């Protein structure tokens, strides 16, 4: 089974981070995740993330740094999830792939029903930003 490379943005606005709830009819429906998507052939990770955030959220961000990578085995295959710390001056208000958006404190992330692949990233964020 192939490993699918997926990128996600940990998007900060002030002291809050954006999470998005997947639509019920999608795989992992009603789970919350950091927004992003699959890397297409010929794209860099950064190009893919910028494209996905504009397509899904109409949100322009500034990528600050690569943050944390994790591999998660789902029933239908494995994904490599590569996260980037991002900043934005804008507010995302709607999404093509999600039915809800929330800006939350990093310390509160594990109180949300996060997609399994996103949990290690949330834990790493909490560790990194608790100071």
C-alpha atoms as a PDB file:
ATOM      1  CA  UNK A   1       0.000   0.000   0.000  1.00  0.00           C
ATOM      2  CA  UNK A   2       1.382   3.397  -0.969  1.00  0.00           C
ATOM      3  CA  UNK A   3       2.165   6.111   1.516  1.00  0.00           C
ATOM      4  CA  UNK A   4       0.170   9.265   0.711  1.00  0.00           C
ATOM      5  CA  UNK A   5       1.892  12.557   1.512  1.00  0.00           C
ATOM      6  CA  UNK A   6      -0.406  15.152   3.072  1.00  0.00           C
ATOM      7  CA  UNK A   7       0.473  18.645   4.286  1.00  0.00           C
ATOM      8  CA  UNK A   8      -1.303  20.694   6.910  1.00  0.00           C
ATOM      9  CA  UNK A   9      -1.050  24.213   8.220  1.00  0.00           C
ATOM     10  CA  UNK A  10      -0.923  25.100  11.877  1.00  0.00           C
ATOM     11  CA  UNK A  11      -2.313  28.552  11.250  1.00  0.00           C
ATOM     12  CA  UNK A  12      -1.890  31.111  13.997  1.00  0.00           C
ATOM     13  CA  UNK A  13      -3.868  34.302  14.361  1.00  0.00           C
ATOM     14  CA  UNK A  14      -2.862  36.089  17.551  1.00  0.00           C
ATOM     15  CA  UNK A  15      -2.650  33.265  20.150  1.00  0.00           C
ATOM     16  CA  UNK A  16      -5.209  30.975  18.506  1.00  0.00           C
ATOM     17  CA  UNK A  17      -4.819  28.161  15.983  1.00  0.00           C
ATOM     18  CA  UNK A  18      -7.308  27.138  13.279  1.00  0.00           C
ATOM     19  CA  UNK A  19      -8.898  23.693  13.229  1.00  0.00           C
ATOM     20  CA  UNK A  20     -11.583  22.515  10.818  1.00  0.00           C
ATOM     21  CA  UNK A  21     -14.273  19.823  11.139  1.00  0.00           C
ATOM     22  CA  UNK A  22     -14.592  17.426   8.225  1.00  0.00           C
ATOM     23  CA  UNK A  23     -18.032  17.172   6.636  1.00  0.00           C
ATOM     24  CA  UNK A  24     -19.994  14.135   7.842  1.00  0.00           C
ATOM     25  CA  UNK A  25     -20.096  12.487   4.407  1.00  0.00           C
ATOM     26  CA  UNK A  26     -16.299  12.565   3.981  1.00  0.00           C
ATOM     27  CA  UNK A  27     -13.846   9.993   5.291  1.00  0.00           C
ATOM     28  CA  UNK A  28     -13.164  10.795   8.948  1.00  0.00           C
ATOM     29  CA  UNK A  29     -16.393  12.797   8.936  1.00  0.00           C
ATOM     30  CA  UNK A  30     -16.945  14.965  12.042  1.00  0.00           C
ATOM     31  CA  UNK A  31     -13.290  14.756  13.088  1.00  0.00           C
ATOM     32  CA  UNK A  32     -11.373  18.008  13.508  1.00  0.00           C
ATOM     33  CA  UNK A  33      -8.077  18.550  11.718  1.00  0.00           C
ATOM     34  CA  UNK A  34      -5.476  21.103  10.804  1.00  0.00           C
ATOM     35  CA  UNK A  35      -6.381  22.272   7.277  1.00  0.00           C
ATOM     36  CA  UNK A  36      -4.415  21.124   4.255  1.00  0.00           C
ATOM     37  CA  UNK A  37      -4.464  18.297   1.759  1.00  0.00           C
ATOM     38  CA  UNK A  38      -2.637  15.896  -0.529  1.00  0.00           C
ATOM     39  CA  UNK A  39       0.574  16.872  -2.256  1.00  0.00           C
ATOM     40  CA  UNK A  40       0.128  16.712  -6.034  1.00  0.00           C
ATOM     41  CA  UNK A  41       2.827  15.458  -8.420  1.00  0.00           C
ATOM     42  CA  UNK A  42       5.417  18.136  -9.128  1.00  0.00           C
ATOM     43  CA  UNK A  43       4.503  20.318  -6.139  1.00  0.00           C
ATOM     44  CA  UNK A  44       6.728  21.129  -3.219  1.00  0.00           C
ATOM     45  CA  UNK A  45       5.197  20.629   0.216  1.00  0.00           C
ATOM     46  CA  UNK A  46       4.944  24.387   0.656  1.00  0.00           C
ATOM     47  CA  UNK A  47       3.325  24.942  -2.765  1.00  0.00           C
ATOM     48  CA  UNK A  48       0.791  22.238  -2.015  1.00  0.00           C
ATOM     49  CA  UNK A  49      -0.131  23.744   1.349  1.00  0.00           C
ATOM     50  CA  UNK A  50      -0.570  27.250  -0.066  1.00  0.00           C
ATOM     51  CA  UNK A  51      -2.753  25.863  -2.904  1.00  0.00           C
ATOM     52  CA  UNK A  52      -4.902  23.732  -0.591  1.00  0.00           C
ATOM     53  CA  UNK A  53      -5.532  26.580   1.860  1.00  0.00           C
ATOM     54  CA  UNK A  54      -6.657  28.884  -0.934  1.00  0.00           C
ATOM     55  CA  UNK A  55      -8.859  26.148  -2.519  1.00  0.00           C
ATOM     56  CA  UNK A  56     -10.484  25.004   0.740  1.00  0.00           C
ATOM     57  CA  UNK A  57     -10.566  28.157   2.859  1.00  0.00           C
ATOM     58  CA  UNK A  58      -9.795  31.052   0.513  1.00  0.00           C
ATOM     59  CA  UNK A  59      -7.064  31.810   3.031  1.00  0.00           C
ATOM     60  CA  UNK A  60      -3.642  33.232   2.279  1.00  0.00           C
ATOM     61  CA  UNK A  61      -0.964  32.416   4.828  1.00  0.00           C
ATOM     62  CA  UNK A  62       2.716  32.985   5.397  1.00  0.00           C
ATOM     63  CA  UNK A  63       4.598  29.738   6.032  1.00  0.00           C
ATOM     64  CA  UNK A  64       7.055  30.295   8.872  1.00  0.00           C
ATOM     65  CA  UNK A  65       8.686  26.862   9.288  1.00  0.00           C
ATOM     66  CA  UNK A  66       8.242  23.133   8.891  1.00  0.00           C
ATOM     67  CA  UNK A  67       7.055  21.864  12.254  1.00  0.00           C
ATOM     68  CA  UNK A  68       6.475  18.133  12.774  1.00  0.00           C
ATOM     69  CA  UNK A  69       6.031  15.079  10.561  1.00  0.00           C
ATOM     70  CA  UNK A  70       4.147  11.927  11.462  1.00  0.00           C
ATOM     71  CA  UNK A  71       3.012   8.746   9.713  1.00  0.00           C
ATOM     72  CA  UNK A  72      -0.373   7.266  10.544  1.00  0.00           C
ATOM     73  CA  UNK A  73      -1.825   3.951   9.378  1.00  0.00           C
ATOM     74  CA  UNK A  74      -5.549   4.172   8.690  1.00  0.00           C
ATOM     75  CA  UNK A  75      -7.679   1.185   7.664  1.00  0.00           C
ATOM     76  CA  UNK A  76      -7.551   2.241   4.013  1.00  0.00           C
ATOM     77  CA  UNK A  77      -3.833   3.106   3.887  1.00  0.00           C
ATOM     78  CA  UNK A  78      -1.067   5.160   5.427  1.00  0.00           C
ATOM     79  CA  UNK A  79      -0.481   8.897   5.287  1.00  0.00           C
ATOM     80  CA  UNK A  80       2.617  10.925   5.986  1.00  0.00           C
ATOM     81  CA  UNK A  81       1.373  14.166   7.540  1.00  0.00           C
ATOM     82  CA  UNK A  82       3.792  17.083   7.277  1.00  0.00           C
ATOM     83  CA  UNK A  83       2.876  20.175   9.275  1.00  0.00           C
ATOM     84  CA  UNK A  84       3.969  23.766   8.885  1.00  0.00           C
ATOM     85  CA  UNK A  85       3.651  26.686  11.274  1.00  0.00           C
ATOM     86  CA  UNK A  86       1.821  29.485   9.433  1.00  0.00           C
ATOM     87  CA  UNK A  87       0.540  32.959  10.176  1.00  0.00           C
ATOM     88  CA  UNK A  88      -2.309  34.870   8.628  1.00  0.00           C
ATOM     89  CA  UNK A  89      -3.731  38.359   8.790  1.00  0.00           C
ATOM     90  CA  UNK A  90      -7.045  37.071   7.474  1.00  0.00           C
ATOM     91  CA  UNK A  91      -9.943  35.153   8.974  1.00  0.00           C
ATOM     92  CA  UNK A  92     -11.248  32.008   7.334  1.00  0.00           C
ATOM     93  CA  UNK A  93     -15.028  32.007   7.514  1.00  0.00           C
ATOM     94  CA  UNK A  94     -16.043  29.041   5.348  1.00  0.00           C
ATOM     95  CA  UNK A  95     -14.597  25.922   3.806  1.00  0.00           C
ATOM     96  CA  UNK A  96     -15.331  23.696   0.831  1.00  0.00           C
ATOM     97  CA  UNK A  97     -14.240  20.554   2.737  1.00  0.00           C
ATOM     98  CA  UNK A  98     -15.382  21.314   6.274  1.00  0.00           C
ATOM     99  CA  UNK A  99     -18.663  22.154   7.981  1.00  0.00           C
ATOM    100  CA  UNK A 100     -17.206  24.086  10.915  1.00  0.00           C
ATOM    101  CA  UNK A 101     -14.103  26.140  11.650  1.00  0.00           C
ATOM    102  CA  UNK A 102     -12.783  27.021  15.088  1.00  0.00           C
ATOM    103  CA  UNK A 103      -9.948  29.174  16.404  1.00  0.00           C
ATOM    104  CA  UNK A 104      -8.725  27.542  19.612  1.00  0.00           C
ATOM    105  CA  UNK A 105      -5.975  27.860  22.181  1.00  0.00           C
ATOM    106  CA  UNK A 106      -3.096  25.440  21.648  1.00  0.00           C
ATOM    107  CA  UNK A 107      -3.548  24.195  25.220  1.00  0.00           C
ATOM    108  CA  UNK A 108      -7.161  23.188  24.413  1.00  0.00           C
ATOM    109  CA  UNK A 109      -6.445  21.151  21.247  1.00  0.00           C
ATOM    110  CA  UNK A 110      -6.714  17.703  22.838  1.00  0.00           C
ATOM    111  CA  UNK A 111     -10.211  18.576  24.071  1.00  0.00           C
ATOM    112  CA  UNK A 112     -11.430  18.385  20.467  1.00  0.00           C
ATOM    113  CA  UNK A 113     -12.182  15.182  18.521  1.00  0.00           C
ATOM    114  CA  UNK A 114      -9.050  15.375  16.380  1.00  0.00           C
ATOM    115  CA  UNK A 115      -8.345  13.043  13.470  1.00  0.00           C
ATOM    116  CA  UNK A 116      -5.895  10.353  14.657  1.00  0.00           C
ATOM    117  CA  UNK A 117      -3.040  11.574  12.423  1.00  0.00           C
ATOM    118  CA  UNK A 118      -3.395  15.113  13.824  1.00  0.00           C
ATOM    119  CA  UNK A 119      -3.092  14.094  17.500  1.00  0.00           C
ATOM    120  CA  UNK A 120       0.734  13.698  17.555  1.00  0.00           C
ATOM    121  CA  UNK A 121       1.050  17.156  15.982  1.00  0.00           C
ATOM    122  CA  UNK A 122      -1.307  18.651  18.578  1.00  0.00           C
ATOM    123  CA  UNK A 123       0.698  17.014  21.393  1.00  0.00           C
ATOM    124  CA  UNK A 124       3.949  18.375  19.962  1.00  0.00           C
ATOM    125  CA  UNK A 125       2.389  21.856  19.659  1.00  0.00           C
ATOM    126  CA  UNK A 126       1.219  21.792  23.260  1.00  0.00           C
ATOM    127  CA  UNK A 127       4.717  20.783  24.383  1.00  0.00           C
ATOM    128  CA  UNK A 128       6.356  23.451  22.224  1.00  0.00           C
ATOM    129  CA  UNK A 129       4.050  26.342  23.161  1.00  0.00           C
ATOM    130  CA  UNK A 130       3.322  25.687  26.822  1.00  0.00           C
ATOM    131  CA  UNK A 131       6.066  28.104  27.927  1.00  0.00           C
END
